[in-house]
C-alpha cells in the first residue's frame, strides 16, 4: 500500500504536504483553542507535522493515518525529534473508511478529501469518529479567481473549472451540508511557494543521484516545466484553506 512513487520522490523533503506552513498550523491550533489531552484524528496525516507540533504546543494526543510508508516513517521520526512519541501514533494504512475506536475532539482531513469521494463524503466519514461537540477540519482548494478558460484550470492541475468553488461558495457549501463554519485559516502565495518550489531542489538532487531510474525522464520533465506552471497558474488562481466545522444546532422554536 503506497501513494504513487512520483509523490514520494518530489515531496520526500517536505514536512507539510500542502500549502500550509508551520506558522499556519500554529495559528490553526491556537484558533481551535486546543486543550491538553484533546484527542485528534488526522486522516491523510502525511509526515505528521500538524499532530506533532500540536502535541508539543498544546498537549493533544492523536492518531495519524497515511498510505505512504515513507511519510509515515517520517512522521514517527518527527514525533521522536519533538519528544511526543507518547502522545501521537502514526499508522500506515488507507485512510479511506477509517473510523476511530474512540470518539475524538477533532477529526481532520487537511488536503485528502478524495478519501471520501469529495468534501461531503469526507465530512460524513470524519463525523463517524467525532464526539457530539467535536470539530471537523477540512483542508480544500478553492479558486482565488475564476480561471477564464478550462486550459488555465488544467494548468492548476484541476480536471476542469468545476472541480473547485470560489471561497464564498465553498463556505456556503458547508452550511448546505448542515455544518457551521466556526473557524478558517487560509494559505497564501508564500505557502504555495513553499509547497511547490521546495519540490524543485528535491527533484534536482534526486536526478543527480538516480540518473538511470525508470522515472528519471518524468522527473526531469517536471523539473523543466513546474516552475513556470506554478508561477503562471497555481500561484495566481488557486487558494487553499482549512475550515473548522461543527454540526448546526437544532434550536427550539419560540
Protein backbone atom coordinates (compact mmCIF):
# COMPACT_ATOMS: atom_id res chain seq x y z
CA UNK A 1 0.00 0.00 0.00
CA UNK A 2 1.51 3.30 -1.09
CA UNK A 3 0.84 6.53 -2.93
CA UNK A 4 2.24 6.89 -6.48
CA UNK A 5 6.03 6.85 -6.34
CA UNK A 6 6.37 10.23 -8.04
CA UNK A 7 4.93 11.92 -4.92
CA UNK A 8 7.34 10.05 -2.66
CA UNK A 9 10.12 11.44 -4.83
CA UNK A 10 9.00 15.05 -5.25
CA UNK A 11 7.78 15.53 -1.66
CA UNK A 12 10.35 13.42 0.17
CA UNK A 13 11.89 16.50 1.82
CA UNK A 14 8.54 18.05 2.78
CA UNK A 15 7.33 18.20 6.35
CA UNK A 16 3.96 19.53 5.19
CA UNK A 17 2.30 18.15 2.07
CA UNK A 18 0.01 21.08 1.32
CA UNK A 19 0.36 24.89 1.04
CA UNK A 20 0.26 25.43 4.82
CA UNK A 21 3.37 26.42 6.77
CA UNK A 22 4.33 25.66 10.36
CA UNK A 23 3.14 29.16 11.23
CA UNK A 24 -0.29 28.48 9.70
CA UNK A 25 -0.64 25.24 11.65
CA UNK A 26 0.30 27.15 14.82
CA UNK A 27 -2.37 29.73 14.01
CA UNK A 28 -4.93 26.99 13.43
CA UNK A 29 -4.09 25.18 16.65
CA UNK A 30 -4.48 28.38 18.66
CA UNK A 31 -7.70 29.28 16.83
CA UNK A 32 -9.24 25.91 17.74
CA UNK A 33 -8.48 26.55 21.45
CA UNK A 34 -6.97 23.12 21.83
CA UNK A 35 -6.65 21.79 25.36
CA UNK A 36 -4.26 19.20 26.84
CA UNK A 37 -5.46 15.63 26.26
CA UNK A 38 -7.80 16.64 23.42
CA UNK A 39 -7.94 13.71 21.01
CA UNK A 40 -7.21 14.45 17.34
CA UNK A 41 -7.61 12.10 14.37
CA UNK A 42 -5.81 13.07 11.15
CA UNK A 43 -6.73 11.13 8.01
CA UNK A 44 -4.03 11.56 5.39
CA UNK A 45 -1.54 12.72 8.01
CA UNK A 46 1.49 12.86 5.71
CA UNK A 47 4.72 13.47 7.60
CA UNK A 48 2.89 14.30 10.80
CA UNK A 49 3.75 17.96 11.30
CA UNK A 50 0.28 19.02 12.42
CA UNK A 51 -0.15 16.34 15.07
CA UNK A 52 3.44 16.51 16.30
CA UNK A 53 3.55 20.28 16.74
CA UNK A 54 0.11 20.37 18.34
CA UNK A 55 1.19 17.63 20.75
CA UNK A 56 4.24 19.71 21.68
CA UNK A 57 2.47 23.07 21.85
CA UNK A 58 -0.98 22.12 23.18
CA UNK A 59 -0.58 18.71 24.80
CA UNK A 60 -3.04 16.95 22.47
CA UNK A 61 -2.97 13.23 21.84
CA UNK A 62 -3.55 11.99 18.33
CA UNK A 63 -3.52 9.37 15.64
CA UNK A 64 -2.47 9.88 12.05
CA UNK A 65 -3.29 7.54 9.16
CA UNK A 66 -1.45 7.69 5.84
CA UNK A 67 -0.94 5.44 2.82
CA UNK A 68 2.70 6.39 2.28
CA UNK A 69 5.22 4.23 4.19
CA UNK A 70 7.83 6.94 3.64
CA UNK A 71 5.70 9.75 5.05
CA UNK A 72 4.50 7.58 7.94
CA UNK A 73 8.10 6.81 8.90
CA UNK A 74 8.99 10.49 8.64
CA UNK A 75 6.06 11.29 10.96
CA UNK A 76 7.36 8.83 13.54
CA UNK A 77 10.82 10.40 13.30
CA UNK A 78 9.32 13.87 13.75
CA UNK A 79 7.49 12.68 16.88
CA UNK A 80 10.83 11.48 18.25
CA UNK A 81 12.52 14.80 17.39
CA UNK A 82 9.85 16.76 19.26
CA UNK A 83 9.64 14.34 22.17
CA UNK A 84 5.96 13.50 21.70
CA UNK A 85 6.06 9.78 20.92
CA UNK A 86 3.92 9.06 23.98
CA UNK A 87 1.21 11.41 22.69
CA UNK A 88 0.89 10.60 18.99
CA UNK A 89 0.90 7.48 16.88
CA UNK A 90 1.16 7.12 13.12
CA UNK A 91 -0.30 4.18 11.27
CA UNK A 92 0.49 3.12 7.71
CA UNK A 93 -2.98 2.39 6.38
CA UNK A 94 -5.60 3.50 3.89
CA UNK A 95 -7.44 6.42 5.48
CA UNK A 96 -10.48 5.83 3.27
CA UNK A 97 -13.14 4.34 5.53
CA UNK A 98 -11.04 4.63 8.69
CA UNK A 99 -13.08 5.13 11.88
CA UNK A 100 -11.50 5.70 15.28
CA UNK A 101 -12.17 3.18 18.04
CA UNK A 102 -12.59 6.09 20.44
CA UNK A 103 -14.50 9.29 19.70
CA UNK A 104 -12.24 12.29 19.13
CA UNK A 105 -12.42 16.02 19.82
CA UNK A 106 -11.06 16.94 16.39
CA UNK A 107 -11.38 14.84 13.23
CA UNK A 108 -9.29 16.19 10.36
CA UNK A 109 -8.61 15.64 6.71
CA UNK A 110 -6.45 18.51 5.50
CA UNK A 111 -5.88 18.01 1.81
CA UNK A 112 -7.02 14.48 1.01
CA UNK A 113 -10.80 14.65 0.59
CA UNK A 114 -10.53 12.09 -2.18
CA UNK A 115 -10.60 9.51 0.65
CA UNK A 116 -14.34 10.12 0.99
CA UNK A 117 -15.06 10.75 -2.67
CA UNK A 118 -15.08 14.51 -2.11
CA UNK A 119 -15.84 17.04 0.61
CA UNK A 120 -19.32 15.77 1.52
CA UNK A 121 -18.26 12.13 1.79
CA UNK A 122 -15.15 13.01 3.78
CA UNK A 123 -17.16 15.07 6.26
CA UNK A 124 -19.54 12.16 6.66
CA UNK A 125 -16.59 9.81 7.27
CA UNK A 126 -14.96 12.12 9.83
CA UNK A 127 -18.27 12.59 11.67
CA UNK A 128 -18.31 8.87 12.45
CA UNK A 129 -15.23 9.33 14.67
CA UNK A 130 -16.31 12.64 16.25
CA UNK A 131 -17.66 13.48 19.68
CA UNK A 132 -21.04 15.23 19.73
CA UNK A 133 -19.39 18.59 20.49
CA UNK A 134 -16.29 17.99 18.37
CA UNK A 135 -14.82 19.84 15.42
CA UNK A 136 -14.22 18.61 11.88
CA UNK A 137 -11.30 20.07 9.90
CA UNK A 138 -11.39 20.05 6.11
CA UNK A 139 -8.48 21.26 4.00
CA UNK A 140 -9.62 22.09 0.49
CA UNK A 141 -8.62 24.15 -2.56
CA UNK A 142 -10.77 26.95 -3.94
CA UNK A 143 -10.44 29.41 -6.79
CA UNK A 144 -8.85 32.72 -5.77
CA UNK A 145 -10.24 33.97 -9.05
CA UNK A 146 -12.24 32.15 -11.68
CA UNK A 147 -10.00 30.72 -14.40
CA UNK A 148 -11.12 32.28 -17.67
CA UNK A 149 -10.56 29.04 -19.59
CA UNK A 150 -10.52 25.31 -18.97
CA UNK A 151 -6.88 25.22 -20.07
CA UNK A 152 -5.96 27.57 -17.23
CA UNK A 153 -7.84 25.35 -14.78
CA UNK A 154 -5.85 22.38 -16.07
CA UNK A 155 -2.69 24.45 -15.58
CA UNK A 156 -3.65 24.46 -11.89
CA UNK A 157 -3.77 20.63 -12.08
CA UNK A 158 -7.57 20.60 -11.94
CA UNK A 159 -9.51 18.44 -14.37
CA UNK A 160 -11.97 21.27 -15.01
CA UNK A 161 -13.08 24.64 -13.63
CA UNK A 162 -15.96 22.84 -11.95
CA UNK A 163 -13.56 20.89 -9.71
CA UNK A 164 -13.38 23.79 -7.25
CA UNK A 165 -15.54 26.65 -5.96
CA UNK A 166 -14.67 30.24 -5.16
CA UNK A 167 -14.24 30.89 -1.45
CA UNK A 168 -17.74 32.27 -0.65
CA UNK A 169 -19.36 29.34 -2.44
CA UNK A 170 -17.13 26.82 -0.67
CA UNK A 171 -18.01 28.31 2.71
CA UNK A 172 -21.72 28.29 1.80
CA UNK A 173 -21.49 24.65 0.74
CA UNK A 174 -20.63 23.60 4.29
CA UNK A 175 -23.84 25.19 5.51
CA UNK A 176 -25.85 23.26 2.95
CA UNK A 177 -24.35 20.08 4.42
CA UNK A 178 -25.67 21.08 7.85
CA UNK A 179 -22.49 22.50 9.37
CA UNK A 180 -21.49 25.84 10.85
CA UNK A 181 -18.07 27.17 9.82
CA UNK A 182 -16.60 28.09 13.21
CA UNK A 183 -13.06 28.96 12.08
CA UNK A 184 -10.91 29.07 8.98
CA UNK A 185 -7.24 29.63 8.27
CA UNK A 186 -6.21 30.25 4.67
CA UNK A 187 -2.90 29.59 2.94
CA UNK A 188 -1.25 32.38 0.99
CA UNK A 189 1.01 32.59 -2.03
CA UNK A 190 4.11 32.18 0.13
CA UNK A 191 2.65 28.90 1.36
CA UNK A 192 2.10 27.76 -2.21
CA UNK A 193 5.73 28.64 -2.97
CA UNK A 194 6.97 26.59 -0.02
CA UNK A 195 4.87 23.61 -1.10
CA UNK A 196 5.60 23.75 -4.83
CA UNK A 197 9.05 25.34 -5.07
CA UNK A 198 10.50 23.04 -2.42
CA UNK A 199 9.91 20.15 -4.82
CA UNK A 200 12.26 21.56 -7.42
CA UNK A 201 15.51 21.24 -5.46
CA UNK A 202 14.37 17.81 -4.26
CA UNK A 203 13.85 16.72 -7.88
CA UNK A 204 17.21 18.09 -8.96
CA UNK A 205 19.09 16.31 -6.15
CA UNK A 206 17.15 13.10 -6.82
CA UNK A 207 18.07 13.24 -10.53
CA UNK A 208 21.75 13.69 -9.69
CA UNK A 209 21.59 10.57 -7.51
CA UNK A 210 19.31 8.49 -9.77
CA UNK A 211 20.01 9.34 -13.44
CA UNK A 212 19.18 5.84 -14.65
CA UNK A 213 15.95 5.37 -12.68
CA UNK A 214 12.84 4.45 -14.64
CA UNK A 215 11.22 7.71 -13.50
CA UNK A 216 14.21 9.92 -14.30
CA UNK A 217 12.72 11.27 -17.55
CA UNK A 218 9.42 12.09 -15.86
CA UNK A 219 11.16 13.86 -13.00
CA UNK A 220 13.38 15.78 -15.41
CA UNK A 221 10.32 16.86 -17.41
CA UNK A 222 8.60 18.07 -14.23
CA UNK A 223 11.69 19.98 -13.13
CA UNK A 224 11.79 21.74 -16.50
CA UNK A 225 8.09 22.67 -16.54
CA UNK A 226 6.85 23.01 -12.96
CA UNK A 227 8.38 26.39 -12.04
CA UNK A 228 6.71 28.13 -14.99
CA UNK A 229 3.43 26.29 -14.47
CA UNK A 230 3.31 27.22 -10.80
CA UNK A 231 4.15 30.87 -11.43
CA UNK A 232 1.59 31.20 -14.20
CA UNK A 233 -1.30 29.19 -12.80
CA UNK A 234 -1.37 27.72 -9.28
CA UNK A 235 0.12 30.78 -7.59
CA UNK A 236 -2.34 33.16 -9.21
CA UNK A 237 -5.58 31.22 -9.40
CA UNK A 238 -5.70 28.60 -6.67
CA UNK A 239 -6.33 29.17 -2.97
CA UNK A 240 -6.32 26.65 -0.16
CA UNK A 241 -7.59 26.68 3.38
CA UNK A 242 -8.54 24.65 6.42
CA UNK A 243 -12.15 25.05 7.56
CA UNK A 244 -13.36 24.14 11.05
CA UNK A 245 -16.91 22.78 11.11
CA UNK A 246 -19.44 21.87 13.78
CA UNK A 247 -22.88 20.33 13.20
CA UNK A 248 -25.53 23.04 13.13
CA UNK A 249 -27.57 23.21 16.32
CA UNK A 250 -31.26 22.45 16.25
CA UNK A 251 -32.73 25.24 18.34
CA UNK A 252 -36.17 25.11 19.83
CA UNK A 253 -38.72 27.20 18.01
CA UNK A 254 -40.03 30.03 20.15
